[in-house]
Amino acid sequence: MKGYVTIPKSIFCKPCKACGERPIISLLENGGYVVKCPADDTHYQTRPGLIDIEDWNIHNTVLYEEGRVV
């Protein structure tokens, strides 16, 4: 078992604002889940528990880009 699930394209998920990768759902050893970046564990991931794609989307919203509002 690979330990993660790829989120279907039909579910809206913002890409990781650090690297642009689409998130995955990762199963933790204690039975909880996190939505995280597949490229790097230091990028944002949701708190352990239920699958919270909305939290992922909120934290990966880019509001400013080079001093201007996006």
C-alpha atoms as a PDB file:
ATOM      1  CA  MET A   1       0.000   0.000   0.000  1.00  0.00           C
ATOM      2  CA  LYS A   2       1.402   3.371  -0.974  1.00  0.00           C
ATOM      3  CA  GLY A   3       0.048   5.373   2.014  1.00  0.00           C
ATOM      4  CA  TYR A   4      -1.563   8.182   0.049  1.00  0.00           C
ATOM      5  CA  VAL A   5      -4.491   8.872  -2.268  1.00  0.00           C
ATOM      6  CA  THR A   6      -4.388  11.071  -5.341  1.00  0.00           C
ATOM      7  CA  ILE A   7      -7.239  13.597  -5.262  1.00  0.00           C
ATOM      8  CA  PRO A   8      -9.411  13.288  -8.395  1.00  0.00           C
ATOM      9  CA  LYS A   9      -9.253  16.188 -10.885  1.00  0.00           C
ATOM     10  CA  SER A  10     -13.028  16.655 -10.446  1.00  0.00           C
ATOM     11  CA  ILE A  11     -12.416  17.966  -6.884  1.00  0.00           C
ATOM     12  CA  PHE A  12     -11.193  21.569  -6.828  1.00  0.00           C
ATOM     13  CA  CYS A  13      -7.842  21.937  -5.049  1.00  0.00           C
ATOM     14  CA  LYS A  14      -5.494  24.880  -5.284  1.00  0.00           C
ATOM     15  CA  PRO A  15      -1.908  23.965  -6.142  1.00  0.00           C
ATOM     16  CA  CYS A  16       0.806  24.276  -3.508  1.00  0.00           C
ATOM     17  CA  LYS A  17       1.818  27.938  -3.403  1.00  0.00           C
ATOM     18  CA  ALA A  18       5.452  26.963  -2.750  1.00  0.00           C
ATOM     19  CA  CYS A  19       5.970  24.634  -5.722  1.00  0.00           C
ATOM     20  CA  GLY A  20       2.731  24.351  -7.748  1.00  0.00           C
ATOM     21  CA  GLU A  21       2.065  20.637  -7.126  1.00  0.00           C
ATOM     22  CA  ARG A  22      -1.465  19.298  -6.715  1.00  0.00           C
ATOM     23  CA  PRO A  23      -2.032  18.010  -3.134  1.00  0.00           C
ATOM     24  CA  ILE A  24      -2.492  14.411  -2.036  1.00  0.00           C
ATOM     25  CA  ILE A  25      -4.307  12.815   0.906  1.00  0.00           C
ATOM     26  CA  SER A  26      -1.859  10.997   3.146  1.00  0.00           C
ATOM     27  CA  LEU A  27      -2.789   8.350   5.717  1.00  0.00           C
ATOM     28  CA  LEU A  28      -1.048   8.714   9.074  1.00  0.00           C
ATOM     29  CA  GLU A  29       0.001   5.867  11.352  1.00  0.00           C
ATOM     30  CA  ASN A  30      -2.663   6.768  13.946  1.00  0.00           C
ATOM     31  CA  GLY A  31      -5.469   6.469  11.388  1.00  0.00           C
ATOM     32  CA  GLY A  32      -5.904  10.189  10.645  1.00  0.00           C
ATOM     33  CA  TYR A  33      -5.407  11.940   7.331  1.00  0.00           C
ATOM     34  CA  VAL A  34      -3.618  15.077   6.124  1.00  0.00           C
ATOM     35  CA  VAL A  35      -3.858  16.957   2.845  1.00  0.00           C
ATOM     36  CA  LYS A  36      -0.283  17.757   1.873  1.00  0.00           C
ATOM     37  CA  CYS A  37       2.124  18.604  -0.907  1.00  0.00           C
ATOM     38  CA  PRO A  38       3.557  15.464  -2.515  1.00  0.00           C
ATOM     39  CA  ALA A  39       6.850  17.166  -3.375  1.00  0.00           C
ATOM     40  CA  ASP A  40       8.077  18.311   0.046  1.00  0.00           C
ATOM     41  CA  ASP A  41       7.050  17.600   3.645  1.00  0.00           C
ATOM     42  CA  THR A  42       8.114  21.114   4.717  1.00  0.00           C
ATOM     43  CA  HIS A  43       5.360  22.723   2.613  1.00  0.00           C
ATOM     44  CA  TYR A  44       1.971  23.324   4.238  1.00  0.00           C
ATOM     45  CA  GLN A  45      -0.112  20.351   5.315  1.00  0.00           C
ATOM     46  CA  THR A  46      -3.451  20.302   7.113  1.00  0.00           C
ATOM     47  CA  ARG A  47      -3.804  19.271  10.743  1.00  0.00           C
ATOM     48  CA  PRO A  48      -4.143  15.518  11.308  1.00  0.00           C
ATOM     49  CA  GLY A  49      -7.709  14.256  11.379  1.00  0.00           C
ATOM     50  CA  LEU A  50     -10.370  14.404   8.731  1.00  0.00           C
ATOM     51  CA  ILE A  51      -9.688  15.244   5.095  1.00  0.00           C
ATOM     52  CA  ASP A  52      -9.840  19.061   4.999  1.00  0.00           C
ATOM     53  CA  ILE A  53      -9.417  20.274   1.427  1.00  0.00           C
ATOM     54  CA  GLU A  54     -10.992  23.648   2.311  1.00  0.00           C
ATOM     55  CA  ASP A  55      -8.196  24.319   4.829  1.00  0.00           C
ATOM     56  CA  TRP A  56      -5.623  23.413   2.157  1.00  0.00           C
ATOM     57  CA  ASN A  57      -7.273  25.835  -0.293  1.00  0.00           C
ATOM     58  CA  ILE A  58      -7.340  28.670   2.276  1.00  0.00           C
ATOM     59  CA  HIS A  59      -3.653  28.299   3.142  1.00  0.00           C
ATOM     60  CA  ASN A  60      -2.577  28.035  -0.504  1.00  0.00           C
ATOM     61  CA  THR A  61      -4.329  31.176  -1.686  1.00  0.00           C
ATOM     62  CA  VAL A  62      -1.870  33.679  -3.116  1.00  0.00           C
ATOM     63  CA  LEU A  63      -3.089  37.159  -2.171  1.00  0.00           C
ATOM     64  CA  TYR A  64      -0.020  39.176  -3.077  1.00  0.00           C
ATOM     65  CA  GLU A  65       2.497  38.725  -5.821  1.00  0.00           C
ATOM     66  CA  GLU A  66       5.529  41.012  -5.912  1.00  0.00           C
ATOM     67  CA  GLY A  67       3.798  43.791  -3.987  1.00  0.00           C
ATOM     68  CA  ARG A  68       0.512  43.774  -5.884  1.00  0.00           C
ATOM     69  CA  VAL A  69      -2.857  42.235  -5.126  1.00  0.00           C
ATOM     70  CA  VAL A  70      -3.676  39.193  -7.249  1.00  0.00           C
END
